[in-house]
Full PDB file with SEQRES, HELIX, SHEET, SSBOND, CRYST1, ORIGX, SCALE, CONECT and MASTER records, all heavy atoms in Angstrom:
SEQRES   1 A   36  VAL ALA TYR ASP LEU ASN GLY GLU ARG ILE ASP TYR LEU          
SEQRES   2 A   36  PRO ALA SER SER GLU GLN GLN PHE LYS VAL LYS PRO ILE          
SEQRES   3 A   36  TYR LYS THR PHE ALA GLY TRP LYS SER SER                      
HELIX    1 AA1 SER A   17  LYS A   22  1                                   6    
SHEET    1 AA1 3 GLU A   8  ILE A  10  0                                        
SHEET    2 AA1 3 ALA A   2  LEU A   5 -1                                        
SHEET    3 AA1 3 LYS A  24  ILE A  26 -1                                        
CRYST1    1.000    1.000    1.000  90.00  90.00  90.00 P 1           1          
ORIGX1      1.000000  0.000000  0.000000        0.00000                         
ORIGX2      0.000000  1.000000  0.000000        0.00000                         
ORIGX3      0.000000  0.000000  1.000000        0.00000                         
SCALE1      1.000000  0.000000  0.000000        0.00000                         
SCALE2      0.000000  1.000000  0.000000        0.00000                         
SCALE3      0.000000  0.000000  1.000000        0.00000                         
ATOM      1  N   VAL A   1     168.142 -33.423  86.341  1.00  0.00           N  
ATOM      2  CA  VAL A   1     167.257 -32.628  85.482  1.00  0.00           C  
ATOM      3  C   VAL A   1     167.856 -31.338  85.046  1.00  0.00           C  
ATOM      4  O   VAL A   1     167.251 -30.587  84.235  1.00  0.00           O  
ATOM      5  CB  VAL A   1     165.894 -32.367  86.201  1.00  0.00           C  
ATOM      6  CG1 VAL A   1     165.131 -33.648  86.463  1.00  0.00           C  
ATOM      7  CG2 VAL A   1     166.146 -31.660  87.512  1.00  0.00           C  
ATOM      8  N   ALA A   2     169.050 -30.990  85.591  1.00  0.00           N  
ATOM      9  CA  ALA A   2     169.778 -29.764  85.194  1.00  0.00           C  
ATOM     10  C   ALA A   2     171.111 -29.772  85.822  1.00  0.00           C  
ATOM     11  O   ALA A   2     171.468 -30.715  86.593  1.00  0.00           O  
ATOM     12  CB  ALA A   2     168.988 -28.500  85.668  1.00  0.00           C  
ATOM     13  N   TYR A   3     171.989 -28.831  85.425  1.00  0.00           N  
ATOM     14  CA  TYR A   3     173.326 -28.732  85.993  1.00  0.00           C  
ATOM     15  C   TYR A   3     173.498 -27.396  86.615  1.00  0.00           C  
ATOM     16  O   TYR A   3     172.830 -26.380  86.191  1.00  0.00           O  
ATOM     17  CB  TYR A   3     174.417 -28.888  84.938  1.00  0.00           C  
ATOM     18  CG  TYR A   3     174.498 -30.210  84.214  1.00  0.00           C  
ATOM     19  CD1 TYR A   3     174.483 -30.249  82.862  1.00  0.00           C  
ATOM     20  CD2 TYR A   3     174.462 -31.423  84.923  1.00  0.00           C  
ATOM     21  CE1 TYR A   3     174.547 -31.475  82.162  1.00  0.00           C  
ATOM     22  CE2 TYR A   3     174.472 -32.590  84.313  1.00  0.00           C  
ATOM     23  CZ  TYR A   3     174.557 -32.651  82.866  1.00  0.00           C  
ATOM     24  OH  TYR A   3     174.626 -33.838  82.201  1.00  0.00           O  
ATOM     25  N   ASP A   4     174.364 -27.325  87.666  1.00  0.00           N  
ATOM     26  CA  ASP A   4     174.814 -26.060  88.191  1.00  0.00           C  
ATOM     27  C   ASP A   4     176.248 -25.852  87.680  1.00  0.00           C  
ATOM     28  O   ASP A   4     177.132 -26.658  87.927  1.00  0.00           O  
ATOM     29  CB  ASP A   4     174.757 -26.121  89.706  1.00  0.00           C  
ATOM     30  CG  ASP A   4     175.315 -24.851  90.324  1.00  0.00           C  
ATOM     31  OD1 ASP A   4     176.518 -24.580  90.284  1.00  0.00           O  
ATOM     32  OD2 ASP A   4     174.493 -24.044  90.809  1.00  0.00           O  
ATOM     33  N   LEU A   5     176.491 -24.770  87.011  1.00  0.00           N  
ATOM     34  CA  LEU A   5     177.820 -24.366  86.502  1.00  0.00           C  
ATOM     35  C   LEU A   5     178.171 -23.038  87.036  1.00  0.00           C  
ATOM     36  O   LEU A   5     177.630 -22.025  86.622  1.00  0.00           O  
ATOM     37  CB  LEU A   5     177.841 -24.360  84.953  1.00  0.00           C  
ATOM     38  CG  LEU A   5     179.237 -23.994  84.322  1.00  0.00           C  
ATOM     39  CD1 LEU A   5     180.328 -24.944  84.735  1.00  0.00           C  
ATOM     40  CD2 LEU A   5     179.076 -23.950  82.793  1.00  0.00           C  
ATOM     41  N   ASN A   6     179.015 -23.031  88.052  1.00  0.00           N  
ATOM     42  CA  ASN A   6     179.501 -21.819  88.672  1.00  0.00           C  
ATOM     43  C   ASN A   6     178.312 -20.964  89.168  1.00  0.00           C  
ATOM     44  O   ASN A   6     178.312 -19.735  88.962  1.00  0.00           O  
ATOM     45  CB  ASN A   6     180.324 -20.982  87.725  1.00  0.00           C  
ATOM     46  CG  ASN A   6     181.599 -21.759  87.229  1.00  0.00           C  
ATOM     47  OD1 ASN A   6     182.204 -22.484  88.037  1.00  0.00           O  
ATOM     48  ND2 ASN A   6     181.996 -21.614  85.974  1.00  0.00           N  
ATOM     49  N   GLY A   7     177.319 -21.617  89.777  1.00  0.00           N  
ATOM     50  CA  GLY A   7     176.195 -20.902  90.277  1.00  0.00           C  
ATOM     51  C   GLY A   7     175.067 -20.602  89.329  1.00  0.00           C  
ATOM     52  O   GLY A   7     174.007 -20.130  89.715  1.00  0.00           O  
ATOM     53  N   GLU A   8     175.222 -20.996  88.024  1.00  0.00           N  
ATOM     54  CA  GLU A   8     174.181 -20.822  87.031  1.00  0.00           C  
ATOM     55  C   GLU A   8     173.531 -22.109  86.694  1.00  0.00           C  
ATOM     56  O   GLU A   8     174.236 -23.142  86.486  1.00  0.00           O  
ATOM     57  CB  GLU A   8     174.833 -20.213  85.801  1.00  0.00           C  
ATOM     58  CG  GLU A   8     173.793 -19.932  84.634  1.00  0.00           C  
ATOM     59  CD  GLU A   8     174.438 -19.475  83.363  1.00  0.00           C  
ATOM     60  OE1 GLU A   8     175.654 -19.249  83.357  1.00  0.00           O  
ATOM     61  OE2 GLU A   8     173.729 -19.370  82.361  1.00  0.00           O  
ATOM     62  N   ARG A   9     172.274 -22.222  86.619  1.00  0.00           N  
ATOM     63  CA  ARG A   9     171.523 -23.413  86.200  1.00  0.00           C  
ATOM     64  C   ARG A   9     171.471 -23.495  84.711  1.00  0.00           C  
ATOM     65  O   ARG A   9     171.027 -22.565  84.056  1.00  0.00           O  
ATOM     66  CB  ARG A   9     170.080 -23.426  86.800  1.00  0.00           C  
ATOM     67  CG  ARG A   9     169.277 -24.690  86.559  1.00  0.00           C  
ATOM     68  CD  ARG A   9     167.878 -24.495  87.109  1.00  0.00           C  
ATOM     69  NE  ARG A   9     166.983 -25.706  86.775  1.00  0.00           N  
ATOM     70  CZ  ARG A   9     166.574 -26.534  87.667  1.00  0.00           C  
ATOM     71  NH1 ARG A   9     166.875 -26.430  88.935  1.00  0.00           N  
ATOM     72  NH2 ARG A   9     165.839 -27.571  87.290  1.00  0.00           N  
ATOM     73  N   ILE A  10     171.954 -24.652  84.214  1.00  0.00           N  
ATOM     74  CA  ILE A  10     171.912 -24.808  82.721  1.00  0.00           C  
ATOM     75  C   ILE A  10     171.239 -26.193  82.356  1.00  0.00           C  
ATOM     76  O   ILE A  10     171.235 -27.084  83.218  1.00  0.00           O  
ATOM     77  CB  ILE A  10     173.300 -24.757  82.136  1.00  0.00           C  
ATOM     78  CG1 ILE A  10     174.214 -25.874  82.711  1.00  0.00           C  
ATOM     79  CG2 ILE A  10     173.966 -23.375  82.327  1.00  0.00           C  
ATOM     80  CD1 ILE A  10     175.596 -25.951  81.980  1.00  0.00           C  
ATOM     81  N   ASP A  11     170.737 -26.268  81.226  1.00  0.00           N  
ATOM     82  CA  ASP A  11     169.978 -27.455  80.777  1.00  0.00           C  
ATOM     83  C   ASP A  11     170.645 -28.289  79.648  1.00  0.00           C  
ATOM     84  O   ASP A  11     169.984 -29.021  78.955  1.00  0.00           O  
ATOM     85  CB  ASP A  11     168.566 -27.065  80.321  1.00  0.00           C  
ATOM     86  CG  ASP A  11     168.535 -26.139  79.112  1.00  0.00           C  
ATOM     87  OD1 ASP A  11     169.635 -25.752  78.638  1.00  0.00           O  
ATOM     88  OD2 ASP A  11     167.481 -25.829  78.590  1.00  0.00           O  
ATOM     89  N   TYR A  12     171.968 -28.146  79.545  1.00  0.00           N  
ATOM     90  CA  TYR A  12     172.757 -28.930  78.600  1.00  0.00           C  
ATOM     91  C   TYR A  12     174.153 -29.103  79.113  1.00  0.00           C  
ATOM     92  O   TYR A  12     174.587 -28.387  80.010  1.00  0.00           O  
ATOM     93  CB  TYR A  12     172.724 -28.204  77.249  1.00  0.00           C  
ATOM     94  CG  TYR A  12     173.519 -26.963  77.224  1.00  0.00           C  
ATOM     95  CD1 TYR A  12     174.815 -26.905  76.713  1.00  0.00           C  
ATOM     96  CD2 TYR A  12     172.970 -25.753  77.755  1.00  0.00           C  
ATOM     97  CE1 TYR A  12     175.597 -25.748  76.718  1.00  0.00           C  
ATOM     98  CE2 TYR A  12     173.723 -24.585  77.742  1.00  0.00           C  
ATOM     99  CZ  TYR A  12     175.060 -24.547  77.219  1.00  0.00           C  
ATOM    100  OH  TYR A  12     175.769 -23.417  77.264  1.00  0.00           O  
ATOM    101  N   LEU A  13     174.898 -30.049  78.516  1.00  0.00           N  
ATOM    102  CA  LEU A  13     176.260 -30.252  78.825  1.00  0.00           C  
ATOM    103  C   LEU A  13     177.188 -29.413  77.910  1.00  0.00           C  
ATOM    104  O   LEU A  13     177.105 -29.587  76.657  1.00  0.00           O  
ATOM    105  CB  LEU A  13     176.695 -31.714  78.725  1.00  0.00           C  
ATOM    106  CG  LEU A  13     178.112 -32.097  79.262  1.00  0.00           C  
ATOM    107  CD1 LEU A  13     178.127 -31.943  80.739  1.00  0.00           C  
ATOM    108  CD2 LEU A  13     178.500 -33.505  78.792  1.00  0.00           C  
ATOM    109  N   PRO A  14     177.945 -28.504  78.422  1.00  0.00           N  
ATOM    110  CA  PRO A  14     178.790 -27.643  77.615  1.00  0.00           C  
ATOM    111  C   PRO A  14     179.773 -28.410  76.783  1.00  0.00           C  
ATOM    112  O   PRO A  14     180.191 -29.526  77.163  1.00  0.00           O  
ATOM    113  CB  PRO A  14     179.470 -26.690  78.600  1.00  0.00           C  
ATOM    114  CG  PRO A  14     178.681 -26.823  79.899  1.00  0.00           C  
ATOM    115  CD  PRO A  14     178.067 -28.138  79.897  1.00  0.00           C  
ATOM    116  N   ALA A  15     180.215 -27.891  75.652  1.00  0.00           N  
ATOM    117  CA  ALA A  15     181.174 -28.531  74.842  1.00  0.00           C  
ATOM    118  C   ALA A  15     182.593 -28.545  75.405  1.00  0.00           C  
ATOM    119  O   ALA A  15     183.433 -29.400  75.126  1.00  0.00           O  
ATOM    120  CB  ALA A  15     181.216 -27.880  73.458  1.00  0.00           C  
ATOM    121  N   SER A  16     182.869 -27.600  76.306  1.00  0.00           N  
ATOM    122  CA  SER A  16     184.218 -27.431  76.951  1.00  0.00           C  
ATOM    123  C   SER A  16     184.434 -28.548  77.918  1.00  0.00           C  
ATOM    124  O   SER A  16     183.676 -28.764  78.874  1.00  0.00           O  
ATOM    125  CB  SER A  16     184.300 -26.120  77.637  1.00  0.00           C  
ATOM    126  OG  SER A  16     185.377 -26.027  78.533  1.00  0.00           O  
ATOM    127  N   SER A  17     185.506 -29.307  77.719  1.00  0.00           N  
ATOM    128  CA  SER A  17     185.898 -30.339  78.621  1.00  0.00           C  
ATOM    129  C   SER A  17     186.090 -29.790  80.070  1.00  0.00           C  
ATOM    130  O   SER A  17     185.672 -30.400  81.010  1.00  0.00           O  
ATOM    131  CB  SER A  17     187.134 -31.061  78.167  1.00  0.00           C  
ATOM    132  OG  SER A  17     187.559 -32.008  79.021  1.00  0.00           O  
ATOM    133  N   GLU A  18     186.672 -28.633  80.200  1.00  0.00           N  
ATOM    134  CA  GLU A  18     186.934 -28.053  81.455  1.00  0.00           C  
ATOM    135  C   GLU A  18     185.577 -27.775  82.224  1.00  0.00           C  
ATOM    136  O   GLU A  18     185.443 -28.081  83.371  1.00  0.00           O  
ATOM    137  CB  GLU A  18     187.634 -26.744  81.320  1.00  0.00           C  
ATOM    138  CG  GLU A  18     187.973 -26.028  82.684  1.00  0.00           C  
ATOM    139  CD  GLU A  18     188.737 -24.713  82.464  1.00  0.00           C  
ATOM    140  OE1 GLU A  18     188.608 -24.052  81.346  1.00  0.00           O  
ATOM    141  OE2 GLU A  18     189.410 -24.209  83.412  1.00  0.00           O  
ATOM    142  N   GLN A  19     184.603 -27.261  81.477  1.00  0.00           N  
ATOM    143  CA  GLN A  19     183.347 -27.059  82.110  1.00  0.00           C  
ATOM    144  C   GLN A  19     182.541 -28.295  82.401  1.00  0.00           C  
ATOM    145  O   GLN A  19     181.799 -28.426  83.355  1.00  0.00           O  
ATOM    146  CB  GLN A  19     182.432 -26.158  81.155  1.00  0.00           C  
ATOM    147  CG  GLN A  19     182.989 -24.671  81.014  1.00  0.00           C  
ATOM    148  CD  GLN A  19     182.084 -23.809  80.198  1.00  0.00           C  
ATOM    149  OE1 GLN A  19     181.437 -24.302  79.281  1.00  0.00           O  
ATOM    150  NE2 GLN A  19     182.102 -22.529  80.443  1.00  0.00           N  
ATOM    151  N   GLN A  20     182.717 -29.311  81.541  1.00  0.00           N  
ATOM    152  CA  GLN A  20     182.042 -30.610  81.795  1.00  0.00           C  
ATOM    153  C   GLN A  20     182.471 -31.231  83.115  1.00  0.00           C  
ATOM    154  O   GLN A  20     181.709 -31.866  83.854  1.00  0.00           O  
ATOM    155  CB  GLN A  20     182.411 -31.569  80.638  1.00  0.00           C  
ATOM    156  CG  GLN A  20     181.757 -31.204  79.327  1.00  0.00           C  
ATOM    157  CD  GLN A  20     182.146 -32.085  78.145  1.00  0.00           C  
ATOM    158  OE1 GLN A  20     183.047 -32.990  78.320  1.00  0.00           O  
ATOM    159  NE2 GLN A  20     181.647 -31.809  76.993  1.00  0.00           N  
ATOM    160  N   PHE A  21     183.793 -31.051  83.476  1.00  0.00           N  
ATOM    161  CA  PHE A  21     184.219 -31.523  84.740  1.00  0.00           C  
ATOM    162  C   PHE A  21     183.710 -30.692  85.944  1.00  0.00           C  
ATOM    163  O   PHE A  21     183.656 -31.215  87.075  1.00  0.00           O  
ATOM    164  CB  PHE A  21     185.771 -31.564  84.797  1.00  0.00           C  
ATOM    165  CG  PHE A  21     186.384 -32.779  84.077  1.00  0.00           C  
ATOM    166  CD1 PHE A  21     187.053 -32.643  82.888  1.00  0.00           C  
ATOM    167  CD2 PHE A  21     186.283 -34.011  84.686  1.00  0.00           C  
ATOM    168  CE1 PHE A  21     187.631 -33.724  82.267  1.00  0.00           C  
ATOM    169  CE2 PHE A  21     186.906 -35.108  84.069  1.00  0.00           C  
ATOM    170  CZ  PHE A  21     187.566 -34.959  82.919  1.00  0.00           C  
ATOM    171  N   LYS A  22     183.291 -29.476  85.662  1.00  0.00           N  
ATOM    172  CA  LYS A  22     182.875 -28.594  86.705  1.00  0.00           C  
ATOM    173  C   LYS A  22     181.358 -28.690  87.069  1.00  0.00           C  
ATOM    174  O   LYS A  22     180.922 -28.336  88.135  1.00  0.00           O  
ATOM    175  CB  LYS A  22     183.230 -27.130  86.416  1.00  0.00           C  
ATOM    176  CG  LYS A  22     184.673 -26.753  86.466  1.00  0.00           C  
ATOM    177  CD  LYS A  22     184.949 -25.326  86.162  1.00  0.00           C  
ATOM    178  CE  LYS A  22     186.398 -24.927  86.289  1.00  0.00           C  
ATOM    179  NZ  LYS A  22     186.646 -23.558  85.956  1.00  0.00           N  
ATOM    180  N   VAL A  23     180.514 -29.104  86.116  1.00  0.00           N  
ATOM    181  CA  VAL A  23     179.100 -29.089  86.309  1.00  0.00           C  
ATOM    182  C   VAL A  23     178.708 -30.025  87.473  1.00  0.00           C  
ATOM    183  O   VAL A  23     179.311 -31.063  87.673  1.00  0.00           O  
ATOM    184  CB  VAL A  23     178.337 -29.407  85.061  1.00  0.00           C  
ATOM    185  CG1 VAL A  23     178.592 -28.479  83.926  1.00  0.00           C  
ATOM    186  CG2 VAL A  23     178.646 -30.909  84.571  1.00  0.00           C  
ATOM    187  N   LYS A  24     177.691 -29.581  88.205  1.00  0.00           N  
ATOM    188  CA  LYS A  24     177.180 -30.316  89.322  1.00  0.00           C  
ATOM    189  C   LYS A  24     175.705 -30.678  89.009  1.00  0.00           C  
ATOM    190  O   LYS A  24     174.951 -29.858  88.605  1.00  0.00           O  
ATOM    191  CB  LYS A  24     177.351 -29.617  90.671  1.00  0.00           C  
ATOM    192  CG  LYS A  24     178.743 -29.295  91.024  1.00  0.00           C  
ATOM    193  CD  LYS A  24     178.777 -28.492  92.323  1.00  0.00           C  
ATOM    194  CE  LYS A  24     180.275 -28.183  92.712  1.00  0.00           C  
ATOM    195  NZ  LYS A  24     180.348 -27.332  93.961  1.00  0.00           N  
ATOM    196  N   PRO A  25     175.318 -31.927  89.231  1.00  0.00           N  
ATOM    197  CA  PRO A  25     173.965 -32.285  88.911  1.00  0.00           C  
ATOM    198  C   PRO A  25     172.951 -31.754  89.825  1.00  0.00           C  
ATOM    199  O   PRO A  25     173.154 -31.641  91.021  1.00  0.00           O  
ATOM    200  CB  PRO A  25     173.992 -33.847  89.025  1.00  0.00           C  
ATOM    201  CG  PRO A  25     175.139 -34.132  90.003  1.00  0.00           C  
ATOM    202  CD  PRO A  25     176.154 -33.050  89.717  1.00  0.00           C  
ATOM    203  N   ILE A  26     171.755 -31.419  89.272  1.00  0.00           N  
ATOM    204  CA  ILE A  26     170.617 -30.988  90.064  1.00  0.00           C  
ATOM    205  C   ILE A  26     169.616 -32.102  89.895  1.00  0.00           C  
ATOM    206  O   ILE A  26     169.192 -32.459  88.821  1.00  0.00           O  
ATOM    207  CB  ILE A  26     170.030 -29.649  89.616  1.00  0.00           C  
ATOM    208  CG1 ILE A  26     171.068 -28.537  89.777  1.00  0.00           C  
ATOM    209  CG2 ILE A  26     168.748 -29.340  90.312  1.00  0.00           C  
ATOM    210  CD1 ILE A  26     170.704 -27.196  89.190  1.00  0.00           C  
ATOM    211  N   TYR A  27     169.162 -32.689  91.014  1.00  0.00           N  
ATOM    212  CA  TYR A  27     168.373 -33.929  90.946  1.00  0.00           C  
ATOM    213  C   TYR A  27     166.892 -33.719  91.281  1.00  0.00           C  
ATOM    214  O   TYR A  27     166.497 -32.824  92.054  1.00  0.00           O  
ATOM    215  CB  TYR A  27     168.914 -34.972  91.953  1.00  0.00           C  
ATOM    216  CG  TYR A  27     170.279 -35.527  91.520  1.00  0.00           C  
ATOM    217  CD1 TYR A  27     171.399 -35.322  92.458  1.00  0.00           C  
ATOM    218  CD2 TYR A  27     170.417 -36.355  90.443  1.00  0.00           C  
ATOM    219  CE1 TYR A  27     172.593 -35.920  92.072  1.00  0.00           C  
ATOM    220  CE2 TYR A  27     171.635 -36.881  90.109  1.00  0.00           C  
ATOM    221  CZ  TYR A  27     172.738 -36.656  90.954  1.00  0.00           C  
ATOM    222  OH  TYR A  27     173.930 -37.237  90.634  1.00  0.00           O  
ATOM    223  N   LYS A  28     166.074 -34.552  90.701  1.00  0.00           N  
ATOM    224  CA  LYS A  28     164.712 -34.801  91.184  1.00  0.00           C  
ATOM    225  C   LYS A  28     164.716 -36.211  91.772  1.00  0.00           C  
ATOM    226  O   LYS A  28     165.207 -37.188  91.171  1.00  0.00           O  
ATOM    227  CB  LYS A  28     163.699 -34.696  90.038  1.00  0.00           C  
ATOM    228  CG  LYS A  28     162.268 -34.940  90.444  1.00  0.00           C  
ATOM    229  CD  LYS A  28     161.311 -34.806  89.268  1.00  0.00           C  
ATOM    230  CE  LYS A  28     159.877 -35.183  89.721  1.00  0.00           C  
ATOM    231  NZ  LYS A  28     159.361 -34.247  90.721  1.00  0.00           N  
ATOM    232  N   THR A  29     164.156 -36.296  93.021  1.00  0.00           N  
ATOM    233  CA  THR A  29     164.194 -37.577  93.735  1.00  0.00           C  
ATOM    234  C   THR A  29     162.832 -38.330  93.687  1.00  0.00           C  
ATOM    235  O   THR A  29     161.780 -37.710  93.815  1.00  0.00           O  
ATOM    236  CB  THR A  29     164.570 -37.340  95.186  1.00  0.00           C  
ATOM    237  OG1 THR A  29     165.901 -36.655  95.248  1.00  0.00           O  
ATOM    238  CG2 THR A  29     164.697 -38.654  95.966  1.00  0.00           C  
ATOM    239  N   PHE A  30     162.936 -39.623  93.453  1.00  0.00           N  
ATOM    240  CA  PHE A  30     161.765 -40.470  93.406  1.00  0.00           C  
ATOM    241  C   PHE A  30     161.829 -41.564  94.490  1.00  0.00           C  
ATOM    242  O   PHE A  30     162.963 -42.030  94.783  1.00  0.00           O  
ATOM    243  CB  PHE A  30     161.671 -41.217  92.043  1.00  0.00           C  
ATOM    244  CG  PHE A  30     161.498 -40.256  90.868  1.00  0.00           C  
ATOM    245  CD1 PHE A  30     162.579 -39.612  90.346  1.00  0.00           C  
ATOM    246  CD2 PHE A  30     160.238 -40.091  90.251  1.00  0.00           C  
ATOM    247  CE1 PHE A  30     162.426 -38.685  89.268  1.00  0.00           C  
ATOM    248  CE2 PHE A  30     160.074 -39.243  89.176  1.00  0.00           C  
ATOM    249  CZ  PHE A  30     161.205 -38.566  88.711  1.00  0.00           C  
ATOM    250  N   ALA A  31     160.771 -41.915  95.055  1.00  0.00           N  
ATOM    251  CA  ALA A  31     160.708 -43.057  95.987  1.00  0.00           C  
ATOM    252  C   ALA A  31     160.910 -44.311  95.229  1.00  0.00           C  
ATOM    253  O   ALA A  31     160.372 -44.501  94.151  1.00  0.00           O  
ATOM    254  CB  ALA A  31     159.336 -43.082  96.724  1.00  0.00           C  
ATOM    255  N   GLY A  32     161.751 -45.214  95.782  1.00  0.00           N  
ATOM    256  CA  GLY A  32     161.969 -46.506  95.114  1.00  0.00           C  
ATOM    257  C   GLY A  32     160.722 -47.386  95.221  1.00  0.00           C  
ATOM    258  O   GLY A  32     159.939 -47.222  96.161  1.00  0.00           O  
ATOM    259  N   TRP A  33     160.617 -48.350  94.330  1.00  0.00           N  
ATOM    260  CA  TRP A  33     159.450 -49.222  94.326  1.00  0.00           C  
ATOM    261  C   TRP A  33     159.582 -50.447  95.188  1.00  0.00           C  
ATOM    262  O   TRP A  33     158.668 -51.105  95.558  1.00  0.00           O  
ATOM    263  CB  TRP A  33     159.015 -49.592  92.904  1.00  0.00           C  
ATOM    264  CG  TRP A  33     160.178 -50.007  92.052  1.00  0.00           C  
ATOM    265  CD1 TRP A  33     160.674 -51.246  91.813  1.00  0.00           C  
ATOM    266  CD2 TRP A  33     160.857 -49.109  91.102  1.00  0.00           C  
ATOM    267  NE1 TRP A  33     161.678 -51.147  90.924  1.00  0.00           N  
ATOM    268  CE2 TRP A  33     161.822 -49.881  90.424  1.00  0.00           C  
ATOM    269  CE3 TRP A  33     160.816 -47.756  90.816  1.00  0.00           C  
ATOM    270  CZ2 TRP A  33     162.675 -49.333  89.476  1.00  0.00           C  
ATOM    271  CZ3 TRP A  33     161.624 -47.222  89.849  1.00  0.00           C  
ATOM    272  CH2 TRP A  33     162.604 -48.033  89.261  1.00  0.00           C  
ATOM    273  N   LYS A  34     160.851 -50.778  95.568  1.00  0.00           N  
ATOM    274  CA  LYS A  34     161.173 -51.806  96.587  1.00  0.00           C  
ATOM    275  C   LYS A  34     160.455 -53.174  96.299  1.00  0.00           C  
ATOM    276  O   LYS A  34     160.035 -53.853  97.218  1.00  0.00           O  
ATOM    277  CB  LYS A  34     160.818 -51.276  97.952  1.00  0.00           C  
ATOM    278  CG  LYS A  34     161.572 -50.039  98.398  1.00  0.00           C  
ATOM    279  CD  LYS A  34     162.997 -50.291  98.602  1.00  0.00           C  
ATOM    280  CE  LYS A  34     163.221 -51.135  99.857  1.00  0.00           C  
ATOM    281  NZ  LYS A  34     164.689 -51.340 100.146  1.00  0.00           N  
ATOM    282  N   SER A  35     160.314 -53.500  95.050  1.00  0.00           N  
ATOM    283  CA  SER A  35     159.708 -54.767  94.676  1.00  0.00           C  
ATOM    284  C   SER A  35     160.336 -55.185  93.339  1.00  0.00           C  
ATOM    285  O   SER A  35     160.812 -54.325  92.536  1.00  0.00           O  
ATOM    286  CB  SER A  35     158.210 -54.775  94.588  1.00  0.00           C  
ATOM    287  OG  SER A  35     157.781 -53.764  93.646  1.00  0.00           O  
ATOM    288  N   SER A  36     160.272 -56.486  92.984  1.00  0.00           N  
ATOM    289  CA  SER A  36     160.920 -56.924  91.759  1.00  0.00           C  
ATOM    290  C   SER A  36     160.187 -56.612  90.485  1.00  0.00           C  
ATOM    291  O   SER A  36     158.984 -56.750  90.393  1.00  0.00           O  
ATOM    292  CB  SER A  36     161.114 -58.443  91.892  1.00  0.00           C  
ATOM    293  OG  SER A  36     161.674 -58.974  90.691  1.00  0.00           O  
TER     294      SER A  36                                                      
MASTER        0    0    0    1    3    0    0    6  293    1    0    3          
END                                                                             
């Protein structure tokens, strides 16, 4: 739902390839439905 880039929370993927490799994902977790 967001990225962490050098300690800053951002809501888009930067254009810089160097920064794209550095971003870390911030997740929202959901329970699985465990059925077909």
